[in-house]
Amino acid sequence: MGNREIGERLGLAEGTVKARLSRALHKFGFANRTQLALLANDQRELLTVLLR
């Protein structure tokens, strides 16, 4: 999913999405969006297990 589509879904400007993703990548020391997506997916799965 591209920045424009993410922005449309969240009601944010494309530039805002790009800036926030860049900040998140830097914060976690990731090289690409795939790594960030995998982290988000892992965290969602963990929360699902913990909240059962």
PDB file of N, CA and C in Angstrom:
ATOM      1  N   MET A   1       0.843  -1.161   0.000  1.00  0.00           N
ATOM      2  CA  MET A   1       0.000   0.000   0.000  1.00  0.00           C
ATOM      3  C   MET A   1       0.890   1.226   0.000  1.00  0.00           C
ATOM      4  N   GLY A   2       0.595   2.141  -0.856  1.00  0.00           N
ATOM      5  CA  GLY A   2       1.409   3.341  -0.976  1.00  0.00           C
ATOM      6  C   GLY A   2       0.997   4.431   0.003  1.00  0.00           C
ATOM      7  N   ASN A   3       1.838   5.450   0.103  1.00  0.00           N
ATOM      8  CA  ASN A   3       1.577   6.558   1.016  1.00  0.00           C
ATOM      9  C   ASN A   3       0.253   7.251   0.721  1.00  0.00           C
ATOM     10  N   ARG A   4      -0.072   7.413  -0.557  1.00  0.00           N
ATOM     11  CA  ARG A   4      -1.310   8.085  -0.927  1.00  0.00           C
ATOM     12  C   ARG A   4      -2.525   7.301  -0.435  1.00  0.00           C
ATOM     13  N   GLU A   5      -2.509   5.978  -0.651  1.00  0.00           N
ATOM     14  CA  GLU A   5      -3.633   5.148  -0.217  1.00  0.00           C
ATOM     15  C   GLU A   5      -3.757   5.134   1.310  1.00  0.00           C
ATOM     16  N   ILE A   6      -2.639   5.045   1.988  1.00  0.00           N
ATOM     17  CA  ILE A   6      -2.662   5.092   3.460  1.00  0.00           C
ATOM     18  C   ILE A   6      -3.257   6.413   3.919  1.00  0.00           C
ATOM     19  N   GLY A   7      -2.808   7.497   3.307  1.00  0.00           N
ATOM     20  CA  GLY A   7      -3.316   8.817   3.652  1.00  0.00           C
ATOM     21  C   GLY A   7      -4.806   8.940   3.419  1.00  0.00           C
ATOM     22  N   GLU A   8      -5.280   8.426   2.303  1.00  0.00           N
ATOM     23  CA  GLU A   8      -6.712   8.485   2.006  1.00  0.00           C
ATOM     24  C   GLU A   8      -7.511   7.719   3.053  1.00  0.00           C
ATOM     25  N   ARG A   9      -7.018   6.555   3.446  1.00  0.00           N
ATOM     26  CA  ARG A   9      -7.733   5.739   4.439  1.00  0.00           C
ATOM     27  C   ARG A   9      -7.739   6.385   5.821  1.00  0.00           C
ATOM     28  N   LEU A  10      -6.668   7.099   6.154  1.00  0.00           N
ATOM     29  CA  LEU A  10      -6.551   7.694   7.484  1.00  0.00           C
ATOM     30  C   LEU A  10      -6.915   9.169   7.528  1.00  0.00           C
ATOM     31  N   GLY A  11      -7.196   9.744   6.372  1.00  0.00           N
ATOM     32  CA  GLY A  11      -7.524  11.160   6.321  1.00  0.00           C
ATOM     33  C   GLY A  11      -6.314  12.049   6.555  1.00  0.00           C
ATOM     34  N   LEU A  12      -5.146  11.605   6.077  1.00  0.00           N
ATOM     35  CA  LEU A  12      -3.898  12.348   6.227  1.00  0.00           C
ATOM     36  C   LEU A  12      -3.333  12.689   4.856  1.00  0.00           C
ATOM     37  N   ALA A  13      -2.531  13.725   4.816  1.00  0.00           N
ATOM     38  CA  ALA A  13      -1.853  14.077   3.569  1.00  0.00           C
ATOM     39  C   ALA A  13      -0.766  13.040   3.286  1.00  0.00           C
ATOM     40  N   GLU A  14      -0.483  12.847   2.033  1.00  0.00           N
ATOM     41  CA  GLU A  14       0.549  11.891   1.631  1.00  0.00           C
ATOM     42  C   GLU A  14       1.896  12.222   2.276  1.00  0.00           C
ATOM     43  N   GLY A  15       2.234  13.503   2.340  1.00  0.00           N
ATOM     44  CA  GLY A  15       3.493  13.924   2.958  1.00  0.00           C
ATOM     45  C   GLY A  15       3.552  13.595   4.440  1.00  0.00           C
ATOM     46  N   THR A  16       2.413  13.698   5.114  1.00  0.00           N
ATOM     47  CA  THR A  16       2.352  13.363   6.540  1.00  0.00           C
ATOM     48  C   THR A  16       2.621  11.880   6.738  1.00  0.00           C
ATOM     49  N   VAL A  17       2.024  11.059   5.900  1.00  0.00           N
ATOM     50  CA  VAL A  17       2.237   9.608   5.979  1.00  0.00           C
ATOM     51  C   VAL A  17       3.713   9.292   5.762  1.00  0.00           C
ATOM     52  N   LYS A  18       4.299   9.910   4.748  1.00  0.00           N
ATOM     53  CA  LYS A  18       5.713   9.673   4.444  1.00  0.00           C
ATOM     54  C   LYS A  18       6.594  10.054   5.630  1.00  0.00           C
ATOM     55  N   ALA A  19       6.321  11.206   6.227  1.00  0.00           N
ATOM     56  CA  ALA A  19       7.122  11.672   7.368  1.00  0.00           C
ATOM     57  C   ALA A  19       6.975  10.740   8.564  1.00  0.00           C
ATOM     58  N   ARG A  20       5.761  10.323   8.844  1.00  0.00           N
ATOM     59  CA  ARG A  20       5.530   9.448  10.000  1.00  0.00           C
ATOM     60  C   ARG A  20       6.158   8.074   9.798  1.00  0.00           C
ATOM     61  N   LEU A  21       6.062   7.555   8.581  1.00  0.00           N
ATOM     62  CA  LEU A  21       6.704   6.261   8.309  1.00  0.00           C
ATOM     63  C   LEU A  21       8.229   6.373   8.410  1.00  0.00           C
ATOM     64  N   SER A  22       8.771   7.449   7.905  1.00  0.00           N
ATOM     65  CA  SER A  22      10.221   7.661   7.988  1.00  0.00           C
ATOM     66  C   SER A  22      10.677   7.730   9.439  1.00  0.00           C
ATOM     67  N   ARG A  23       9.907   8.447  10.267  1.00  0.00           N
ATOM     68  CA  ARG A  23      10.231   8.546  11.694  1.00  0.00           C
ATOM     69  C   ARG A  23      10.184   7.180  12.365  1.00  0.00           C
ATOM     70  N   ALA A  24       9.166   6.399  12.048  1.00  0.00           N
ATOM     71  CA  ALA A  24       9.022   5.065  12.641  1.00  0.00           C
ATOM     72  C   ALA A  24      10.166   4.150  12.206  1.00  0.00           C
ATOM     73  N   LEU A  25      10.530   4.212  10.941  1.00  0.00           N
ATOM     74  CA  LEU A  25      11.647   3.390  10.454  1.00  0.00           C
ATOM     75  C   LEU A  25      12.927   3.734  11.201  1.00  0.00           C
ATOM     76  N   HIS A  26      13.166   5.019  11.368  1.00  0.00           N
ATOM     77  CA  HIS A  26      14.365   5.469  12.072  1.00  0.00           C
ATOM     78  C   HIS A  26      14.327   5.045  13.542  1.00  0.00           C
ATOM     79  N   LYS A  27      13.181   5.224  14.182  1.00  0.00           N
ATOM     80  CA  LYS A  27      13.031   4.897  15.600  1.00  0.00           C
ATOM     81  C   LYS A  27      13.352   3.435  15.882  1.00  0.00           C
ATOM     82  N   PHE A  28      12.895   2.540  15.011  1.00  0.00           N
ATOM     83  CA  PHE A  28      13.112   1.113  15.214  1.00  0.00           C
ATOM     84  C   PHE A  28      14.379   0.595  14.537  1.00  0.00           C
ATOM     85  N   GLY A  29      15.055   1.459  13.803  1.00  0.00           N
ATOM     86  CA  GLY A  29      16.286   1.054  13.138  1.00  0.00           C
ATOM     87  C   GLY A  29      16.053   0.130  11.955  1.00  0.00           C
ATOM     88  N   PHE A  30      14.897   0.274  11.308  1.00  0.00           N
ATOM     89  CA  PHE A  30      14.559  -0.580  10.178  1.00  0.00           C
ATOM     90  C   PHE A  30      15.007   0.064   8.872  1.00  0.00           C
ATOM     91  N   ALA A  31      15.269  -0.787   7.899  1.00  0.00           N
ATOM     92  CA  ALA A  31      15.715  -0.307   6.597  1.00  0.00           C
ATOM     93  C   ALA A  31      14.560  -0.132   5.615  1.00  0.00           C
ATOM     94  N   ASN A  32      13.421  -0.788   5.890  1.00  0.00           N
ATOM     95  CA  ASN A  32      12.322  -0.706   4.942  1.00  0.00           C
ATOM     96  C   ASN A  32      10.969  -0.903   5.614  1.00  0.00           C
ATOM     97  N   ARG A  33       9.923  -0.610   4.865  1.00  0.00           N
ATOM     98  CA  ARG A  33       8.549  -0.682   5.362  1.00  0.00           C
ATOM     99  C   ARG A  33       8.124  -2.105   5.683  1.00  0.00           C
ATOM    100  N   THR A  34       8.684  -3.074   5.000  1.00  0.00           N
ATOM    101  CA  THR A  34       8.323  -4.467   5.259  1.00  0.00           C
ATOM    102  C   THR A  34       8.653  -4.842   6.693  1.00  0.00           C
ATOM    103  N   GLN A  35       9.810  -4.435   7.170  1.00  0.00           N
ATOM    104  CA  GLN A  35      10.195  -4.729   8.547  1.00  0.00           C
ATOM    105  C   GLN A  35       9.211  -4.089   9.525  1.00  0.00           C
ATOM    106  N   LEU A  36       8.795  -2.881   9.239  1.00  0.00           N
ATOM    107  CA  LEU A  36       7.845  -2.179  10.099  1.00  0.00           C
ATOM    108  C   LEU A  36       6.487  -2.889  10.083  1.00  0.00           C
ATOM    109  N   ALA A  37       6.060  -3.335   8.916  1.00  0.00           N
ATOM    110  CA  ALA A  37       4.792  -4.052   8.797  1.00  0.00           C
ATOM    111  C   ALA A  37       4.831  -5.373   9.558  1.00  0.00           C
ATOM    112  N   LEU A  38       5.954  -6.065   9.495  1.00  0.00           N
ATOM    113  CA  LEU A  38       6.086  -7.326  10.229  1.00  0.00           C
ATOM    114  C   LEU A  38       6.012  -7.095  11.731  1.00  0.00           C
ATOM    115  N   LEU A  39       6.642  -6.039  12.217  1.00  0.00           N
ATOM    116  CA  LEU A  39       6.575  -5.700  13.633  1.00  0.00           C
ATOM    117  C   LEU A  39       5.129  -5.417  14.033  1.00  0.00           C
ATOM    118  N   ALA A  40       4.438  -4.624  13.239  1.00  0.00           N
ATOM    119  CA  ALA A  40       3.042  -4.284  13.551  1.00  0.00           C
ATOM    120  C   ALA A  40       2.183  -5.544  13.576  1.00  0.00           C
ATOM    121  N   ASN A  41       2.396  -6.439  12.646  1.00  0.00           N
ATOM    122  CA  ASN A  41       1.632  -7.684  12.592  1.00  0.00           C
ATOM    123  C   ASN A  41       1.930  -8.547  13.813  1.00  0.00           C
ATOM    124  N   ASP A  42       3.201  -8.665  14.187  1.00  0.00           N
ATOM    125  CA  ASP A  42       3.576  -9.444  15.366  1.00  0.00           C
ATOM    126  C   ASP A  42       2.926  -8.875  16.620  1.00  0.00           C
ATOM    127  N   GLN A  43       2.924  -7.566  16.751  1.00  0.00           N
ATOM    128  CA  GLN A  43       2.340  -6.928  17.929  1.00  0.00           C
ATOM    129  C   GLN A  43       0.829  -7.164  17.979  1.00  0.00           C
ATOM    130  N   ARG A  44       0.180  -7.108  16.831  1.00  0.00           N
ATOM    131  CA  ARG A  44      -1.265  -7.354  16.784  1.00  0.00           C
ATOM    132  C   ARG A  44      -1.566  -8.783  17.198  1.00  0.00           C
ATOM    133  N   GLU A  45      -0.758  -9.731  16.711  1.00  0.00           N
ATOM    134  CA  GLU A  45      -0.959 -11.132  17.085  1.00  0.00           C
ATOM    135  C   GLU A  45      -0.737 -11.329  18.580  1.00  0.00           C
ATOM    136  N   LEU A  46       0.282 -10.681  19.142  1.00  0.00           N
ATOM    137  CA  LEU A  46       0.556 -10.785  20.566  1.00  0.00           C
ATOM    138  C   LEU A  46      -0.619 -10.237  21.379  1.00  0.00           C
ATOM    139  N   LEU A  47      -1.143  -9.079  20.998  1.00  0.00           N
ATOM    140  CA  LEU A  47      -2.288  -8.509  21.707  1.00  0.00           C
ATOM    141  C   LEU A  47      -3.502  -9.419  21.618  1.00  0.00           C
ATOM    142  N   THR A  48      -3.702 -10.041  20.468  1.00  0.00           N
ATOM    143  CA  THR A  48      -4.843 -10.943  20.288  1.00  0.00           C
ATOM    144  C   THR A  48      -4.733 -12.112  21.269  1.00  0.00           C
ATOM    145  N   VAL A  49      -3.546 -12.670  21.413  1.00  0.00           N
ATOM    146  CA  VAL A  49      -3.339 -13.801  22.339  1.00  0.00           C
ATOM    147  C   VAL A  49      -3.534 -13.353  23.783  1.00  0.00           C
ATOM    148  N   LEU A  50      -2.971 -12.210  24.134  1.00  0.00           N
ATOM    149  CA  LEU A  50      -3.044 -11.726  25.511  1.00  0.00           C
ATOM    150  C   LEU A  50      -4.464 -11.347  25.930  1.00  0.00           C
ATOM    151  N   LEU A  51      -5.273 -10.907  24.995  1.00  0.00           N
ATOM    152  CA  LEU A  51      -6.619 -10.452  25.325  1.00  0.00           C
ATOM    153  C   LEU A  51      -7.671 -11.547  25.244  1.00  0.00           C
ATOM    154  N   ARG A  52      -7.259 -12.753  24.988  1.00  0.00           N
ATOM    155  CA  ARG A  52      -8.235 -13.872  24.927  1.00  0.00           C
ATOM    156  C   ARG A  52      -8.676 -14.260  26.292  1.00  0.00           C
TER     157      ARG A  52
END
